Amino acid sequence: ECWHWDQCKSADGDYGFSGDLLEVCRDGSAGIVGSAEFSHGVHKWAVKIGRNTNICVGIGTAATPLLSAKPYSGRAVFCSSQALAGSAPECVSTRIVTGDILGVCLDASNEHVSFYK
């Protein structure tokens, strides 16, 4: 089975998911979950920013509370358009505007996450 976004495990149900479950278009900061956990290897994806209001793109684990407000109880690493108190040191705050494409690279084997645009 191919990887896809899991609308059943994601917060806010199936709101904004494409029919093939490969794209999501929604507002808010509720967590969106994939169909498989990445425990090894390098995985990359891109996120196109549709609107510039409190953008947050990140990676969590099974322990990340999906309905928790940012910074997700310190259990996620993310890139945000605003500095957030309580964020892990690995989190990045940068200027993010409508139309930006944020790249995310997870090197699960070496426990490293990077964000780029």
PDB file of N, CA and C in Angstrom:
ATOM      1  N   GLU A   1       0.841  -1.182   0.000  1.00  0.00           N
ATOM      2  CA  GLU A   1       0.000   0.000   0.000  1.00  0.00           C
ATOM      3  C   GLU A   1       0.881   1.238   0.000  1.00  0.00           C
ATOM      4  N   CYS A   2       0.516   2.231  -0.790  1.00  0.00           N
ATOM      5  CA  CYS A   2       1.270   3.481  -0.878  1.00  0.00           C
ATOM      6  C   CYS A   2       0.929   4.399   0.281  1.00  0.00           C
ATOM      7  N   TRP A   3       1.900   5.225   0.657  1.00  0.00           N
ATOM      8  CA  TRP A   3       1.697   6.196   1.722  1.00  0.00           C
ATOM      9  C   TRP A   3       0.648   7.213   1.286  1.00  0.00           C
ATOM     10  N   HIS A   4      -0.156   7.686   2.245  1.00  0.00           N
ATOM     11  CA  HIS A   4      -1.141   8.733   1.999  1.00  0.00           C
ATOM     12  C   HIS A   4      -1.490   9.399   3.337  1.00  0.00           C
ATOM     13  N   TRP A   5      -2.185  10.526   3.257  1.00  0.00           N
ATOM     14  CA  TRP A   5      -2.676  11.166   4.472  1.00  0.00           C
ATOM     15  C   TRP A   5      -3.819  10.337   5.028  1.00  0.00           C
ATOM     16  N   ASP A   6      -3.857  10.175   6.334  1.00  0.00           N
ATOM     17  CA  ASP A   6      -4.876   9.342   6.981  1.00  0.00           C
ATOM     18  C   ASP A   6      -5.948  10.231   7.601  1.00  0.00           C
ATOM     19  N   GLN A   7      -7.073  10.359   6.907  1.00  0.00           N
ATOM     20  CA  GLN A   7      -8.140  11.236   7.389  1.00  0.00           C
ATOM     21  C   GLN A   7      -8.825  10.694   8.634  1.00  0.00           C
ATOM     22  N   CYS A   8      -8.756   9.402   8.860  1.00  0.00           N
ATOM     23  CA  CYS A   8      -9.398   8.810  10.046  1.00  0.00           C
ATOM     24  C   CYS A   8      -8.624   9.104  11.331  1.00  0.00           C
ATOM     25  N   LYS A   9      -7.304   9.192  11.249  1.00  0.00           N
ATOM     26  CA  LYS A   9      -6.472   9.454  12.422  1.00  0.00           C
ATOM     27  C   LYS A   9      -6.185  10.937  12.630  1.00  0.00           C
ATOM     28  N   SER A  10      -6.429  11.752  11.610  1.00  0.00           N
ATOM     29  CA  SER A  10      -6.131  13.179  11.686  1.00  0.00           C
ATOM     30  C   SER A  10      -7.195  13.925  12.474  1.00  0.00           C
ATOM     31  N   ALA A  11      -6.775  15.016  13.098  1.00  0.00           N
ATOM     32  CA  ALA A  11      -7.730  15.861  13.812  1.00  0.00           C
ATOM     33  C   ALA A  11      -8.668  16.522  12.809  1.00  0.00           C
ATOM     34  N   ASP A  12      -9.869  16.770  13.198  1.00  0.00           N
ATOM     35  CA  ASP A  12     -10.894  17.403  12.359  1.00  0.00           C
ATOM     36  C   ASP A  12     -11.384  16.515  11.224  1.00  0.00           C
ATOM     37  N   GLY A  13     -11.179  15.222  11.302  1.00  0.00           N
ATOM     38  CA  GLY A  13     -11.744  14.286  10.325  1.00  0.00           C
ATOM     39  C   GLY A  13     -11.274  14.496   8.902  1.00  0.00           C
ATOM     40  N   ASP A  14     -12.176  14.285   7.945  1.00  0.00           N
ATOM     41  CA  ASP A  14     -11.777  14.286   6.543  1.00  0.00           C
ATOM     42  C   ASP A  14     -11.857  15.659   5.878  1.00  0.00           C
ATOM     43  N   TYR A  15     -12.009  16.714   6.653  1.00  0.00           N
ATOM     44  CA  TYR A  15     -12.082  18.067   6.121  1.00  0.00           C
ATOM     45  C   TYR A  15     -10.836  18.418   5.301  1.00  0.00           C
ATOM     46  N   GLY A  16     -11.018  18.783   4.028  1.00  0.00           N
ATOM     47  CA  GLY A  16      -9.943  19.294   3.190  1.00  0.00           C
ATOM     48  C   GLY A  16      -9.079  18.273   2.478  1.00  0.00           C
ATOM     49  N   PHE A  17      -9.333  16.987   2.627  1.00  0.00           N
ATOM     50  CA  PHE A  17      -8.512  15.965   1.980  1.00  0.00           C
ATOM     51  C   PHE A  17      -8.949  15.769   0.529  1.00  0.00           C
ATOM     52  N   SER A  18      -7.980  15.578  -0.371  1.00  0.00           N
ATOM     53  CA  SER A  18      -8.304  15.265  -1.760  1.00  0.00           C
ATOM     54  C   SER A  18      -8.793  13.829  -1.860  1.00  0.00           C
ATOM     55  N   GLY A  19      -9.436  13.488  -2.965  1.00  0.00           N
ATOM     56  CA  GLY A  19      -9.972  12.143  -3.152  1.00  0.00           C
ATOM     57  C   GLY A  19      -8.915  11.058  -3.098  1.00  0.00           C
ATOM     58  N   ASP A  20      -7.682  11.363  -3.576  1.00  0.00           N
ATOM     59  CA  ASP A  20      -6.613  10.360  -3.564  1.00  0.00           C
ATOM     60  C   ASP A  20      -5.812  10.371  -2.262  1.00  0.00           C
ATOM     61  N   LEU A  21      -6.179  11.265  -1.331  1.00  0.00           N
ATOM     62  CA  LEU A  21      -5.546  11.399  -0.003  1.00  0.00           C
ATOM     63  C   LEU A  21      -4.070  11.793  -0.065  1.00  0.00           C
ATOM     64  N   LEU A  22      -3.651  12.435  -1.166  1.00  0.00           N
ATOM     65  CA  LEU A  22      -2.265  12.878  -1.286  1.00  0.00           C
ATOM     66  C   LEU A  22      -2.106  14.383  -1.055  1.00  0.00           C
ATOM     67  N   GLU A  23      -3.224  15.101  -1.001  1.00  0.00           N
ATOM     68  CA  GLU A  23      -3.187  16.539  -0.755  1.00  0.00           C
ATOM     69  C   GLU A  23      -4.201  16.908   0.319  1.00  0.00           C
ATOM     70  N   VAL A  24      -3.866  17.964   1.066  1.00  0.00           N
ATOM     71  CA  VAL A  24      -4.774  18.481   2.086  1.00  0.00           C
ATOM     72  C   VAL A  24      -4.787  19.993   1.960  1.00  0.00           C
ATOM     73  N   CYS A  25      -5.965  20.570   1.986  1.00  0.00           N
ATOM     74  CA  CYS A  25      -6.118  22.024   1.942  1.00  0.00           C
ATOM     75  C   CYS A  25      -7.081  22.398   3.051  1.00  0.00           C
ATOM     76  N   ARG A  26      -6.547  22.979   4.125  1.00  0.00           N
ATOM     77  CA  ARG A  26      -7.395  23.349   5.258  1.00  0.00           C
ATOM     78  C   ARG A  26      -6.764  24.462   6.060  1.00  0.00           C
ATOM     79  N   ASP A  27      -7.571  25.075   6.920  1.00  0.00           N
ATOM     80  CA  ASP A  27      -7.116  26.113   7.833  1.00  0.00           C
ATOM     81  C   ASP A  27      -6.939  25.489   9.212  1.00  0.00           C
ATOM     82  N   GLY A  28      -6.252  26.204  10.084  1.00  0.00           N
ATOM     83  CA  GLY A  28      -6.129  25.752  11.461  1.00  0.00           C
ATOM     84  C   GLY A  28      -4.827  25.020  11.724  1.00  0.00           C
ATOM     85  N   SER A  29      -4.631  24.658  12.981  1.00  0.00           N
ATOM     86  CA  SER A  29      -3.379  24.013  13.381  1.00  0.00           C
ATOM     87  C   SER A  29      -3.583  22.588  13.866  1.00  0.00           C
ATOM     88  N   ALA A  30      -4.738  22.019  13.594  1.00  0.00           N
ATOM     89  CA  ALA A  30      -4.982  20.637  14.012  1.00  0.00           C
ATOM     90  C   ALA A  30      -4.082  19.691  13.223  1.00  0.00           C
ATOM     91  N   GLY A  31      -3.567  18.686  13.890  1.00  0.00           N
ATOM     92  CA  GLY A  31      -2.616  17.762  13.288  1.00  0.00           C
ATOM     93  C   GLY A  31      -3.200  16.916  12.166  1.00  0.00           C
ATOM     94  N   ILE A  32      -2.390  16.687  11.142  1.00  0.00           N
ATOM     95  CA  ILE A  32      -2.739  15.809  10.028  1.00  0.00           C
ATOM     96  C   ILE A  32      -1.744  14.662  10.053  1.00  0.00           C
ATOM     97  N   VAL A  33      -2.238  13.438   9.972  1.00  0.00           N
ATOM     98  CA  VAL A  33      -1.415  12.250  10.176  1.00  0.00           C
ATOM     99  C   VAL A  33      -1.293  11.445   8.887  1.00  0.00           C
ATOM    100  N   GLY A  34      -0.103  10.898   8.653  1.00  0.00           N
ATOM    101  CA  GLY A  34       0.118  10.035   7.497  1.00  0.00           C
ATOM    102  C   GLY A  34      -0.254   8.594   7.818  1.00  0.00           C
ATOM    103  N   SER A  35      -0.308   7.778   6.774  1.00  0.00           N
ATOM    104  CA  SER A  35      -0.743   6.389   6.927  1.00  0.00           C
ATOM    105  C   SER A  35       0.334   5.469   7.483  1.00  0.00           C
ATOM    106  N   ALA A  36       1.585   5.943   7.517  1.00  0.00           N
ATOM    107  CA  ALA A  36       2.682   5.112   8.030  1.00  0.00           C
ATOM    108  C   ALA A  36       3.641   5.979   8.822  1.00  0.00           C
ATOM    109  N   GLU A  37       4.264   5.389   9.822  1.00  0.00           N
ATOM    110  CA  GLU A  37       5.271   6.078  10.627  1.00  0.00           C
ATOM    111  C   GLU A  37       6.622   5.879   9.967  1.00  0.00           C
ATOM    112  N   PHE A  38       7.419   6.948   9.876  1.00  0.00           N
ATOM    113  CA  PHE A  38       8.757   6.856   9.287  1.00  0.00           C
ATOM    114  C   PHE A  38       9.759   6.596  10.400  1.00  0.00           C
ATOM    115  N   SER A  39      10.355   5.415  10.429  1.00  0.00           N
ATOM    116  CA  SER A  39      11.322   5.082  11.477  1.00  0.00           C
ATOM    117  C   SER A  39      12.750   5.003  10.947  1.00  0.00           C
ATOM    118  N   HIS A  40      12.905   4.981   9.628  1.00  0.00           N
ATOM    119  CA  HIS A  40      14.243   4.973   9.035  1.00  0.00           C
ATOM    120  C   HIS A  40      14.157   5.541   7.618  1.00  0.00           C
ATOM    121  N   GLY A  41      15.308   5.912   7.072  1.00  0.00           N
ATOM    122  CA  GLY A  41      15.357   6.474   5.726  1.00  0.00           C
ATOM    123  C   GLY A  41      15.157   7.979   5.706  1.00  0.00           C
ATOM    124  N   VAL A  42      15.283   8.547   4.498  1.00  0.00           N
ATOM    125  CA  VAL A  42      15.108   9.974   4.279  1.00  0.00           C
ATOM    126  C   VAL A  42      13.786  10.187   3.546  1.00  0.00           C
ATOM    127  N   HIS A  43      12.974  11.100   4.053  1.00  0.00           N
ATOM    128  CA  HIS A  43      11.657  11.364   3.481  1.00  0.00           C
ATOM    129  C   HIS A  43      11.524  12.867   3.281  1.00  0.00           C
ATOM    130  N   LYS A  44      11.038  13.272   2.087  1.00  0.00           N
ATOM    131  CA  LYS A  44      10.896  14.690   1.767  1.00  0.00           C
ATOM    132  C   LYS A  44       9.498  14.959   1.238  1.00  0.00           C
ATOM    133  N   TRP A  45       8.992  16.153   1.554  1.00  0.00           N
ATOM    134  CA  TRP A  45       7.733  16.583   0.984  1.00  0.00           C
ATOM    135  C   TRP A  45       7.700  18.098   0.955  1.00  0.00           C
ATOM    136  N   ALA A  46       6.714  18.649   0.239  1.00  0.00           N
ATOM    137  CA  ALA A  46       6.564  20.094   0.094  1.00  0.00           C
ATOM    138  C   ALA A  46       5.175  20.514   0.539  1.00  0.00           C
ATOM    139  N   VAL A  47       5.104  21.720   1.090  1.00  0.00           N
ATOM    140  CA  VAL A  47       3.836  22.282   1.538  1.00  0.00           C
ATOM    141  C   VAL A  47       3.694  23.656   0.895  1.00  0.00           C
ATOM    142  N   LYS A  48       2.649  23.852   0.089  1.00  0.00           N
ATOM    143  CA  LYS A  48       2.389  25.153  -0.515  1.00  0.00           C
ATOM    144  C   LYS A  48       1.471  25.946   0.419  1.00  0.00           C
ATOM    145  N   ILE A  49       1.882  27.170   0.721  1.00  0.00           N
ATOM    146  CA  ILE A  49       1.134  28.016   1.641  1.00  0.00           C
ATOM    147  C   ILE A  49       0.057  28.771   0.858  1.00  0.00           C
ATOM    148  N   GLY A  50      -1.186  28.507   1.208  1.00  0.00           N
ATOM    149  CA  GLY A  50      -2.306  29.132   0.522  1.00  0.00           C
ATOM    150  C   GLY A  50      -2.680  30.486   1.102  1.00  0.00           C
ATOM    151  N   ARG A  51      -2.492  30.651   2.393  1.00  0.00           N
ATOM    152  CA  ARG A  51      -2.786  31.912   3.072  1.00  0.00           C
ATOM    153  C   ARG A  51      -1.724  32.142   4.136  1.00  0.00           C
ATOM    154  N   ASN A  52      -1.434  33.380   4.406  1.00  0.00           N
ATOM    155  CA  ASN A  52      -0.377  33.703   5.360  1.00  0.00           C
ATOM    156  C   ASN A  52      -0.961  34.148   6.697  1.00  0.00           C
ATOM    157  N   THR A  53      -1.454  33.209   7.483  1.00  0.00           N
ATOM    158  CA  THR A  53      -1.932  33.538   8.823  1.00  0.00           C
ATOM    159  C   THR A  53      -1.472  32.452   9.790  1.00  0.00           C
ATOM    160  N   ASN A  54      -0.509  32.783  10.611  1.00  0.00           N
ATOM    161  CA  ASN A  54      -0.029  31.851  11.639  1.00  0.00           C
ATOM    162  C   ASN A  54       0.287  30.465  11.082  1.00  0.00           C
ATOM    163  N   ILE A  55       1.175  30.410  10.126  1.00  0.00           N
ATOM    164  CA  ILE A  55       1.545  29.170   9.459  1.00  0.00           C
ATOM    165  C   ILE A  55       2.409  28.322  10.376  1.00  0.00           C
ATOM    166  N   CYS A  56       2.145  27.030  10.403  1.00  0.00           N
ATOM    167  CA  CYS A  56       2.958  26.088  11.166  1.00  0.00           C
ATOM    168  C   CYS A  56       2.986  24.765  10.419  1.00  0.00           C
ATOM    169  N   VAL A  57       4.183  24.333  10.046  1.00  0.00           N
ATOM    170  CA  VAL A  57       4.369  23.055   9.358  1.00  0.00           C
ATOM    171  C   VAL A  57       5.389  22.278  10.158  1.00  0.00           C
ATOM    172  N   GLY A  58       5.084  21.033  10.505  1.00  0.00           N
ATOM    173  CA  GLY A  58       6.031  20.306  11.327  1.00  0.00           C
ATOM    174  C   GLY A  58       5.860  18.813  11.309  1.00  0.00           C
ATOM    175  N   ILE A  59       6.609  18.180  12.177  1.00  0.00           N
ATOM    176  CA  ILE A  59       6.622  16.727  12.296  1.00  0.00           C
ATOM    177  C   ILE A  59       6.449  16.365  13.765  1.00  0.00           C
ATOM    178  N   GLY A  60       5.587  15.400  13.995  1.00  0.00           N
ATOM    179  CA  GLY A  60       5.376  14.917  15.353  1.00  0.00           C
ATOM    180  C   GLY A  60       5.545  13.413  15.399  1.00  0.00           C
ATOM    181  N   THR A  61       5.290  12.870  16.550  1.00  0.00           N
ATOM    182  CA  THR A  61       5.348  11.421  16.742  1.00  0.00           C
ATOM    183  C   THR A  61       3.987  10.944  17.225  1.00  0.00           C
ATOM    184  N   ALA A  62       3.880   9.676  17.510  1.00  0.00           N
ATOM    185  CA  ALA A  62       2.626   9.140  18.048  1.00  0.00           C
ATOM    186  C   ALA A  62       2.271   9.814  19.375  1.00  0.00           C
ATOM    187  N   ALA A  63       3.254  10.389  20.068  1.00  0.00           N
ATOM    188  CA  ALA A  63       3.017  11.051  21.352  1.00  0.00           C
ATOM    189  C   ALA A  63       2.584  12.509  21.197  1.00  0.00           C
ATOM    190  N   THR A  64       2.598  13.048  19.982  1.00  0.00           N
ATOM    191  CA  THR A  64       2.205  14.434  19.762  1.00  0.00           C
ATOM    192  C   THR A  64       0.692  14.567  19.878  1.00  0.00           C
ATOM    193  N   PRO A  65       0.210  15.420  20.781  1.00  0.00           N
ATOM    194  CA  PRO A  65      -1.246  15.587  20.927  1.00  0.00           C
ATOM    195  C   PRO A  65      -1.820  16.351  19.735  1.00  0.00           C
ATOM    196  N   LEU A  66      -2.658  15.709  18.948  1.00  0.00           N
ATOM    197  CA  LEU A  66      -3.170  16.303  17.715  1.00  0.00           C
ATOM    198  C   LEU A  66      -4.050  17.516  17.941  1.00  0.00           C
ATOM    199  N   LEU A  67      -4.756  17.561  19.040  1.00  0.00           N
ATOM    200  CA  LEU A  67      -5.665  18.673  19.287  1.00  0.00           C
ATOM    201  C   LEU A  67      -5.064  19.747  20.171  1.00  0.00           C
ATOM    202  N   SER A  68      -3.804  19.590  20.545  1.00  0.00           N
ATOM    203  CA  SER A  68      -3.130  20.569  21.383  1.00  0.00           C
ATOM    204  C   SER A  68      -2.770  21.800  20.549  1.00  0.00           C
ATOM    205  N   ALA A  69      -2.793  22.949  21.183  1.00  0.00           N
ATOM    206  CA  ALA A  69      -2.369  24.166  20.499  1.00  0.00           C
ATOM    207  C   ALA A  69      -0.860  24.159  20.310  1.00  0.00           C
ATOM    208  N   LYS A  70      -0.402  24.916  19.307  1.00  0.00           N
ATOM    209  CA  LYS A  70       1.042  25.053  19.120  1.00  0.00           C
ATOM    210  C   LYS A  70       1.632  25.556  20.428  1.00  0.00           C
ATOM    211  N   PRO A  71       2.736  25.101  20.899  1.00  0.00           N
ATOM    212  CA  PRO A  71       3.742  24.233  20.283  1.00  0.00           C
ATOM    213  C   PRO A  71       3.566  22.736  20.557  1.00  0.00           C
ATOM    214  N   TYR A  72       2.354  22.257  20.641  1.00  0.00           N
ATOM    215  CA  TYR A  72       2.068  20.820  20.731  1.00  0.00           C
ATOM    216  C   TYR A  72       2.736  20.149  21.925  1.00  0.00           C
ATOM    217  N   SER A  73       2.679  20.809  23.060  1.00  0.00           N
ATOM    218  CA  SER A  73       3.235  20.284  24.317  1.00  0.00           C
ATOM    219  C   SER A  73       4.707  19.910  24.192  1.00  0.00           C
ATOM    220  N   GLY A  74       5.439  20.569  23.293  1.00  0.00           N
ATOM    221  CA  GLY A  74       6.861  20.302  23.116  1.00  0.00           C
ATOM    222  C   GLY A  74       7.157  18.960  22.474  1.00  0.00           C
ATOM    223  N   ARG A  75       6.160  18.348  21.836  1.00  0.00           N
ATOM    224  CA  ARG A  75       6.339  17.012  21.248  1.00  0.00           C
ATOM    225  C   ARG A  75       6.308  17.039  19.729  1.00  0.00           C
ATOM    226  N   ALA A  76       6.749  18.149  19.135  1.00  0.00           N
ATOM    227  CA  ALA A  76       6.816  18.259  17.688  1.00  0.00           C
ATOM    228  C   ALA A  76       7.942  19.217  17.331  1.00  0.00           C
ATOM    229  N   VAL A  77       8.497  19.057  16.152  1.00  0.00           N
ATOM    230  CA  VAL A  77       9.488  19.981  15.611  1.00  0.00           C
ATOM    231  C   VAL A  77       8.823  20.631  14.412  1.00  0.00           C
ATOM    232  N   PHE A  78       8.862  21.965  14.332  1.00  0.00           N
ATOM    233  CA  PHE A  78       8.122  22.636  13.284  1.00  0.00           C
ATOM    234  C   PHE A  78       8.779  23.930  12.839  1.00  0.00           C
ATOM    235  N   CYS A  79       8.297  24.426  11.707  1.00  0.00           N
ATOM    236  CA  CYS A  79       8.665  25.723  11.164  1.00  0.00           C
ATOM    237  C   CYS A  79       7.414  26.581  11.268  1.00  0.00           C
ATOM    238  N   SER A  80       7.537  27.761  11.838  1.00  0.00           N
ATOM    239  CA  SER A  80       6.367  28.595  12.086  1.00  0.00           C
ATOM    240  C   SER A  80       6.611  30.027  11.631  1.00  0.00           C
ATOM    241  N   SER A  81       5.524  30.720  11.305  1.00  0.00           N
ATOM    242  CA  SER A  81       5.622  32.124  10.923  1.00  0.00           C
ATOM    243  C   SER A  81       5.706  33.047  12.129  1.00  0.00           C
ATOM    244  N   GLN A  82       5.656  32.474  13.317  1.00  0.00           N
ATOM    245  CA  GLN A  82       5.752  33.267  14.537  1.00  0.00           C
ATOM    246  C   GLN A  82       6.540  32.496  15.596  1.00  0.00           C
ATOM    247  N   ALA A  83       7.296  33.227  16.406  1.00  0.00           N
ATOM    248  CA  ALA A  83       8.025  32.586  17.495  1.00  0.00           C
ATOM    249  C   ALA A  83       7.019  32.140  18.547  1.00  0.00           C
ATOM    250  N   LEU A  84       7.159  30.919  19.033  1.00  0.00           N
ATOM    251  CA  LEU A  84       6.209  30.376  19.991  1.00  0.00           C
ATOM    252  C   LEU A  84       6.914  30.005  21.288  1.00  0.00           C
ATOM    253  N   ALA A  85       6.449  30.542  22.382  1.00  0.00           N
ATOM    254  CA  ALA A  85       7.020  30.208  23.686  1.00  0.00           C
ATOM    255  C   ALA A  85       6.819  28.730  23.956  1.00  0.00           C
ATOM    256  N   GLY A  86       7.819  28.082  24.502  1.00  0.00           N
ATOM    257  CA  GLY A  86       7.726  26.666  24.836  1.00  0.00           C
ATOM    258  C   GLY A  86       8.129  25.741  23.708  1.00  0.00           C
ATOM    259  N   SER A  87       8.565  26.305  22.586  1.00  0.00           N
ATOM    260  CA  SER A  87       8.979  25.490  21.450  1.00  0.00           C
ATOM    261  C   SER A  87      10.296  24.789  21.741  1.00  0.00           C
ATOM    262  N   ALA A  88      10.471  23.605  21.161  1.00  0.00           N
ATOM    263  CA  ALA A  88      11.744  22.901  21.270  1.00  0.00           C
ATOM    264  C   ALA A  88      12.822  23.742  20.576  1.00  0.00           C
ATOM    265  N   PRO A  89      14.084  23.632  21.000  1.00  0.00           N
ATOM    266  CA  PRO A  89      15.155  24.430  20.389  1.00  0.00           C
ATOM    267  C   PRO A  89      15.317  24.179  18.887  1.00  0.00           C
ATOM    268  N   GLU A  90      14.891  23.014  18.416  1.00  0.00           N
ATOM    269  CA  GLU A  90      15.040  22.674  17.005  1.00  0.00           C
ATOM    270  C   GLU A  90      14.025  23.387  16.120  1.00  0.00           C
ATOM    271  N   CYS A  91      13.014  24.004  16.716  1.00  0.00           N
ATOM    272  CA  CYS A  91      11.961  24.649  15.942  1.00  0.00           C
ATOM    273  C   CYS A  91      12.480  25.931  15.306  1.00  0.00           C
ATOM    274  N   VAL A  92      11.945  26.250  14.145  1.00  0.00           N
ATOM    275  CA  VAL A  92      12.408  27.377  13.356  1.00  0.00           C
ATOM    276  C   VAL A  92      11.290  28.404  13.231  1.00  0.00           C
ATOM    277  N   SER A  93      11.619  29.682  13.397  1.00  0.00           N
ATOM    278  CA  SER A  93      10.667  30.757  13.148  1.00  0.00           C
ATOM    279  C   SER A  93      11.219  31.559  11.981  1.00  0.00           C
ATOM    280  N   THR A  94      10.420  31.750  10.931  1.00  0.00           N
ATOM    281  CA  THR A  94      10.890  32.444   9.738  1.00  0.00           C
ATOM    282  C   THR A  94       9.727  33.150   9.063  1.00  0.00           C
ATOM    283  N   ARG A  95      10.025  34.011   8.117  1.00  0.00           N
ATOM    284  CA  ARG A  95       8.975  34.706   7.361  1.00  0.00           C
ATOM    285  C   ARG A  95       8.375  33.730   6.353  1.00  0.00           C
ATOM    286  N   ILE A  96       7.076  33.534   6.452  1.00  0.00           N
ATOM    287  CA  ILE A  96       6.354  32.652   5.545  1.00  0.00           C
ATOM    288  C   ILE A  96       5.183  33.444   4.987  1.00  0.00           C
ATOM    289  N   VAL A  97       5.049  33.497   3.657  1.00  0.00           N
ATOM    290  CA  VAL A  97       3.985  34.278   3.037  1.00  0.00           C
ATOM    291  C   VAL A  97       3.199  33.416   2.050  1.00  0.00           C
ATOM    292  N   THR A  98       2.023  33.902   1.693  1.00  0.00           N
ATOM    293  CA  THR A  98       1.164  33.227   0.731  1.00  0.00           C
ATOM    294  C   THR A  98       1.951  32.909  -0.541  1.00  0.00           C
ATOM    295  N   GLY A  99       1.836  31.678  -1.008  1.00  0.00           N
ATOM    296  CA  GLY A  99       2.521  31.244  -2.221  1.00  0.00           C
ATOM    297  C   GLY A  99       3.848  30.558  -1.973  1.00  0.00           C
ATOM    298  N   ASP A 100       4.421  30.720  -0.779  1.00  0.00           N
ATOM    299  CA  ASP A 100       5.680  30.027  -0.465  1.00  0.00           C
ATOM    300  C   ASP A 100       5.486  28.523  -0.543  1.00  0.00           C
ATOM    301  N   ILE A 101       6.539  27.839  -0.926  1.00  0.00           N
ATOM    302  CA  ILE A 101       6.563  26.383  -0.858  1.00  0.00           C
ATOM    303  C   ILE A 101       7.636  26.006   0.143  1.00  0.00           C
ATOM    304  N   LEU A 102       7.222  25.378   1.236  1.00  0.00           N
ATOM    305  CA  LEU A 102       8.160  24.948   2.269  1.00  0.00           C
ATOM    306  C   LEU A 102       8.534  23.499   2.019  1.00  0.00           C
ATOM    307  N   GLY A 103       9.818  23.236   1.988  1.00  0.00           N
ATOM    308  CA  GLY A 103      10.295  21.869   1.895  1.00  0.00           C
ATOM    309  C   GLY A 103      10.549  21.323   3.288  1.00  0.00           C
ATOM    310  N   VAL A 104      10.270  20.058   3.469  1.00  0.00           N
ATOM    311  CA  VAL A 104      10.522  19.381   4.737  1.00  0.00           C
ATOM    312  C   VAL A 104      11.342  18.137   4.419  1.00  0.00           C
ATOM    313  N   CYS A 105      12.422  17.943   5.141  1.00  0.00           N
ATOM    314  CA  CYS A 105      13.245  16.749   4.967  1.00  0.00           C
ATOM    315  C   CYS A 105      13.417  16.078   6.327  1.00  0.00           C
ATOM    316  N   LEU A 106      12.961  14.848   6.411  1.00  0.00           N
ATOM    317  CA  LEU A 106      13.107  14.054   7.629  1.00  0.00           C
ATOM    318  C   LEU A 106      14.109  12.938   7.349  1.00  0.00           C
ATOM    319  N   ASP A 107      15.229  12.972   8.040  1.00  0.00           N
ATOM    320  CA  ASP A 107      16.200  11.880   7.995  1.00  0.00           C
ATOM    321  C   ASP A 107      15.977  11.063   9.262  1.00  0.00           C
ATOM    322  N   ALA A 108      15.079  10.114   9.172  1.00  0.00           N
ATOM    323  CA  ALA A 108      14.680   9.342  10.359  1.00  0.00           C
ATOM    324  C   ALA A 108      15.827   8.505  10.902  1.00  0.00           C
ATOM    325  N   SER A 109      16.686   8.020  10.028  1.00  0.00           N
ATOM    326  CA  SER A 109      17.807   7.187  10.477  1.00  0.00           C
ATOM    327  C   SER A 109      18.768   7.960  11.364  1.00  0.00           C
ATOM    328  N   ASN A 110      18.934   9.267  11.093  1.00  0.00           N
ATOM    329  CA  ASN A 110      19.848  10.101  11.872  1.00  0.00           C
ATOM    330  C   ASN A 110      19.121  11.079  12.784  1.00  0.00           C
ATOM    331  N   GLU A 111      17.802  10.923  12.914  1.00  0.00           N
ATOM    332  CA  GLU A 111      16.988  11.754  13.793  1.00  0.00           C
ATOM    333  C   GLU A 111      17.204  13.246  13.544  1.00  0.00           C
ATOM    334  N   HIS A 112      17.053  13.657  12.270  1.00  0.00           N
ATOM    335  CA  HIS A 112      17.266  15.051  11.891  1.00  0.00           C
ATOM    336  C   HIS A 112      16.112  15.526  11.004  1.00  0.00           C
ATOM    337  N   VAL A 113      15.630  16.743  11.284  1.00  0.00           N
ATOM    338  CA  VAL A 113      14.581  17.369  10.486  1.00  0.00           C
ATOM    339  C   VAL A 113      15.104  18.714   9.991  1.00  0.00           C
ATOM    340  N   SER A 114      14.844  19.041   8.721  1.00  0.00           N
ATOM    341  CA  SER A 114      15.197  20.363   8.215  1.00  0.00           C
ATOM    342  C   SER A 114      14.033  20.908   7.399  1.00  0.00           C
ATOM    343  N   PHE A 115      13.931  22.236   7.399  1.00  0.00           N
ATOM    344  CA  PHE A 115      12.914  22.956   6.654  1.00  0.00           C
ATOM    345  C   PHE A 115      13.635  23.916   5.724  1.00  0.00           C
ATOM    346  N   TYR A 116      13.109  24.127   4.527  1.00  0.00           N
ATOM    347  CA  TYR A 116      13.748  25.038   3.580  1.00  0.00           C
ATOM    348  C   TYR A 116      12.697  25.599   2.634  1.00  0.00           C
ATOM    349  N   LYS A 117      13.040  26.755   2.029  1.00  0.00           N
ATOM    350  CA  LYS A 117      12.156  27.326   1.003  1.00  0.00           C
ATOM    351  C   LYS A 117      12.963  27.925  -0.107  1.00  0.00           C
TER     352      LYS A 117
END
